Amino acid sequence: RSQGGEERDEALEQAVDTGLLKALVRAEPENVLAFVQGANKCVVEAAERSLREYSMDHELVALYASHARHRQALSLLAERGQGREEEHPLFGVAPSIEYLQAL
């Protein structure tokens, strides 16, 4: 297979996974976490916009993790951990500790 063909396949996989994520966010939000935790080819920046739009922080952390963007995941965990919303699932240091332990 030619390099151009492989690049087209990669671009198609990215478009499909990113589109699927956007559809899941709107239609089946309960399935987003499982999708981003698995192997996916989402374009992170586009997926990030959709997840932020729907305040899906836990899912965004999982997306970052699945793409080895650990600095961004930890930054988001730190931001949410220090927030004012104590009932937020990412509040406190425990989510950051759990993330680091999983690495």
Protein backbone atom coordinates (compact mmCIF):
# COMPACT_ATOMS: atom_id res chain seq x y z
CA ARG A 1 0.00 0.00 0.00
CA SER A 2 1.29 3.46 -0.87
CA GLN A 3 2.00 6.10 1.72
CA GLY A 4 -0.76 8.26 0.21
CA GLY A 5 -3.23 5.40 0.64
CA GLU A 6 -2.22 4.93 4.27
CA GLU A 7 -2.62 8.65 4.93
CA ARG A 8 -6.10 8.58 3.38
CA ASP A 9 -7.02 5.57 5.53
CA GLU A 10 -5.77 7.35 8.64
CA ALA A 11 -7.72 10.50 7.76
CA LEU A 12 -10.86 8.41 7.15
CA GLU A 13 -10.45 6.62 10.50
CA GLN A 14 -10.04 9.97 12.24
CA ALA A 15 -13.12 11.42 10.54
CA VAL A 16 -15.24 8.37 11.37
CA ASP A 17 -14.19 8.19 15.03
CA THR A 18 -14.52 11.94 15.56
CA GLY A 19 -17.94 11.95 13.92
CA LEU A 20 -19.03 8.96 15.98
CA LEU A 21 -17.91 10.67 19.18
CA LYS A 22 -19.87 13.82 18.30
CA ALA A 23 -22.97 11.70 17.62
CA LEU A 24 -22.56 9.78 20.88
CA VAL A 25 -22.19 12.99 22.87
CA ARG A 26 -25.58 14.14 21.61
CA ALA A 27 -27.52 10.89 21.28
CA GLU A 28 -25.99 8.42 23.75
CA PRO A 29 -23.91 10.31 26.30
CA GLU A 30 -23.83 7.26 28.58
CA ASN A 31 -21.65 5.48 25.97
CA VAL A 32 -19.07 8.22 25.46
CA LEU A 33 -16.77 7.18 28.30
CA ALA A 34 -16.42 3.60 27.06
CA PHE A 35 -15.74 4.87 23.54
CA VAL A 36 -12.96 7.27 24.51
CA GLN A 37 -11.38 4.80 26.93
CA GLY A 38 -10.86 2.34 24.09
CA ALA A 39 -8.58 2.62 21.10
CA ASN A 40 -9.87 5.50 19.02
CA LYS A 41 -8.57 7.73 16.26
CA CYS A 42 -10.47 10.88 17.25
CA VAL A 43 -8.98 14.21 16.32
CA VAL A 44 -8.34 15.32 19.89
CA GLU A 45 -8.94 19.03 19.33
CA ALA A 46 -12.34 18.45 17.67
CA ALA A 47 -13.36 15.85 20.25
CA GLU A 48 -12.23 18.16 23.05
CA ARG A 49 -14.55 20.94 21.80
CA SER A 50 -17.55 18.60 21.79
CA LEU A 51 -16.80 17.18 25.22
CA ARG A 52 -16.26 20.63 26.73
CA GLU A 53 -19.48 21.91 25.15
CA TYR A 54 -21.40 19.23 27.06
CA SER A 55 -19.29 19.51 30.26
CA MET A 56 -18.03 15.94 29.93
CA ASP A 57 -14.85 16.39 31.98
CA HIS A 58 -14.41 12.76 33.00
CA GLU A 59 -14.72 11.71 29.38
CA LEU A 60 -12.25 14.40 28.33
CA VAL A 61 -9.69 13.11 30.83
CA ALA A 62 -10.21 9.61 29.39
CA LEU A 63 -9.76 10.96 25.84
CA TYR A 64 -6.50 12.63 26.80
CA ALA A 65 -5.33 9.40 28.46
CA SER A 66 -6.17 7.29 25.40
CA HIS A 67 -4.01 9.62 23.29
CA ALA A 68 -1.15 9.78 25.84
CA ARG A 69 -1.80 13.46 26.53
CA HIS A 70 -1.15 13.03 30.22
CA ARG A 71 -0.12 16.63 30.86
CA GLN A 72 -3.47 17.88 29.55
CA ALA A 73 -5.36 15.25 31.56
CA LEU A 74 -3.55 16.18 34.76
CA SER A 75 -4.04 19.88 34.09
CA LEU A 76 -7.80 19.37 33.73
CA LEU A 77 -7.88 17.20 36.86
CA ALA A 78 -6.00 19.88 38.81
CA GLU A 79 -8.34 22.60 37.52
CA ARG A 80 -11.48 20.66 38.45
CA GLY A 81 -9.97 19.37 41.67
CA GLN A 82 -9.46 22.91 42.94
CA GLY A 83 -12.83 24.19 41.77
CA ARG A 84 -15.65 25.40 43.96
CA GLU A 85 -18.00 22.55 43.10
CA GLU A 86 -17.34 20.00 45.82
CA GLU A 87 -19.97 17.68 44.35
CA HIS A 88 -18.13 17.58 40.99
CA PRO A 89 -16.85 14.02 40.40
CA LEU A 90 -13.33 15.32 39.73
CA PHE A 91 -13.18 17.46 42.89
CA GLY A 92 -10.21 16.99 45.21
CA VAL A 93 -6.91 15.18 44.73
CA ALA A 94 -8.22 11.59 44.57
CA PRO A 95 -8.98 11.65 40.81
CA SER A 96 -5.43 12.91 40.09
CA ILE A 97 -3.90 10.25 42.32
CA GLU A 98 -5.98 7.52 40.64
CA TYR A 99 -4.92 8.80 37.21
CA LEU A 100 -1.24 8.73 38.13
CA GLN A 101 -1.52 5.27 39.64
CA ALA A 102 -2.97 3.97 36.38
CA LEU A 103 0.04 5.16 34.35
